[in-house]
Protein backbone atom coordinates (compact mmCIF):
# COMPACT_ATOMS: atom_id res chain seq x y z
CA MET A 1 11.78 6.46 12.43
CA GLY A 2 8.84 7.38 10.86
CA ILE A 3 9.83 6.27 7.24
CA ILE A 4 11.48 3.09 8.29
CA TRP A 5 8.43 2.19 10.33
CA THR A 6 6.00 3.02 7.07
CA ILE A 7 8.26 0.73 4.85
CA ILE A 8 8.03 -2.00 7.39
CA ILE A 9 4.03 -1.91 7.64
CA GLY A 10 4.00 -1.25 3.71
CA PHE A 11 5.86 -4.52 3.58
CA VAL A 12 3.60 -6.39 5.53
CA ALA A 13 0.53 -4.33 4.02
CA GLY A 14 1.81 -5.61 0.36
CA VAL A 15 1.75 -9.15 1.12
CA ILE A 16 -1.66 -8.92 2.72
CA ALA A 17 -3.02 -7.02 0.11
CA LYS A 18 -1.70 -9.89 -2.62
CA PHE A 19 -3.52 -12.29 -0.27
CA ILE A 20 -6.78 -10.36 -0.43
CA MET A 21 -6.60 -9.37 -4.10
CA PRO A 22 -5.03 -12.28 -6.04
CA GLY A 23 -5.27 -12.40 -9.80
CA ASP A 24 -3.60 -12.60 -13.05
CA ASN A 25 -3.06 -9.23 -13.68
CA GLU A 26 -1.54 -8.45 -10.49
CA PRO A 27 2.01 -8.20 -9.90
CA SER A 28 3.40 -11.94 -9.52
CA GLY A 29 6.93 -10.98 -8.04
CA PHE A 30 7.87 -10.81 -4.44
CA VAL A 31 10.12 -7.56 -4.86
CA LEU A 32 7.02 -5.67 -7.04
CA THR A 33 4.48 -6.56 -4.64
CA THR A 34 6.32 -5.23 -1.56
CA ILE A 35 7.18 -1.80 -3.59
CA LEU A 36 3.89 -1.50 -4.26
CA GLY A 37 2.60 -2.27 -0.23
CA ILE A 38 5.25 0.27 0.65
CA VAL A 39 3.72 3.02 -1.99
CA GLY A 40 0.18 1.79 -0.48
CA ALA A 41 1.35 3.04 2.70
CA PHE A 42 2.75 6.18 1.99
CA VAL A 43 -0.48 6.84 0.01
CA ALA A 44 -2.29 5.89 3.17
CA ASN A 45 -0.26 8.15 5.45
CA PHE A 46 -0.55 11.09 2.90
CA LEU A 47 -4.46 10.43 2.90
CA GLY A 48 -4.88 10.26 6.27
CA GLN A 49 -2.84 13.41 6.92
CA SER A 50 -4.59 15.43 4.13
CA LEU A 51 -8.01 14.41 5.42
CA GLY A 52 -7.05 15.07 9.40
CA TRP A 53 -7.40 11.36 10.42
CA TYR A 54 -3.62 11.52 11.61
CA GLY A 55 -1.30 13.90 13.02
CA PRO A 56 1.72 15.34 11.30
CA GLN A 57 3.70 12.75 13.03
CA ASP A 58 1.45 9.90 13.06
CA GLY A 59 1.53 6.87 10.80
CA ALA A 60 -1.45 4.97 8.87
CA GLY A 61 -1.11 1.66 10.59
CA LEU A 62 -1.28 -1.62 9.45
CA ILE A 63 -4.91 -1.48 8.47
CA GLY A 64 -4.89 2.00 6.52
CA ALA A 65 -1.66 0.40 4.71
CA VAL A 66 -3.36 -2.57 3.63
CA ILE A 67 -6.37 -0.35 2.51
CA GLY A 68 -3.84 2.02 0.43
CA ALA A 69 -2.05 -0.96 -0.95
CA ILE A 70 -5.24 -2.62 -1.84
CA ILE A 71 -6.11 1.00 -3.79
CA VAL A 72 -2.45 0.92 -5.30
CA LEU A 73 -2.83 -2.90 -6.43
CA ALA A 74 -6.31 -2.11 -7.94
CA LEU A 75 -4.76 0.83 -10.00
CA TYR A 76 -1.68 -1.08 -11.05
CA GLY A 77 -4.31 -3.85 -12.53
CA PHE A 78 -6.33 -1.33 -14.04
CA LEU A 79 -3.53 0.55 -15.83
CA ARG A 80 -1.80 -2.83 -16.52
CA ARG A 81 -5.11 -4.34 -18.22
CA ARG A 82 -5.13 -0.77 -20.39
CA ALA A 83 -1.66 -1.14 -21.75
């Protein structure tokens, strides 16, 4: 159930992150924004568990996933501008 929950939270986090960081260089498609949000949730889980903030079975939660999604969106925009 942990991965499914991460995907659901990542979906919501991707939508919230898109509202927080609008811009022309960000992904405009709904599917791509959702995928980047899900990746952000996984990044937040990984970083949180690596830093000891979460236990092995704990997830990042919505706020951590939104922060992870914002990080991924910022990296996406940075790499897109360089290309």
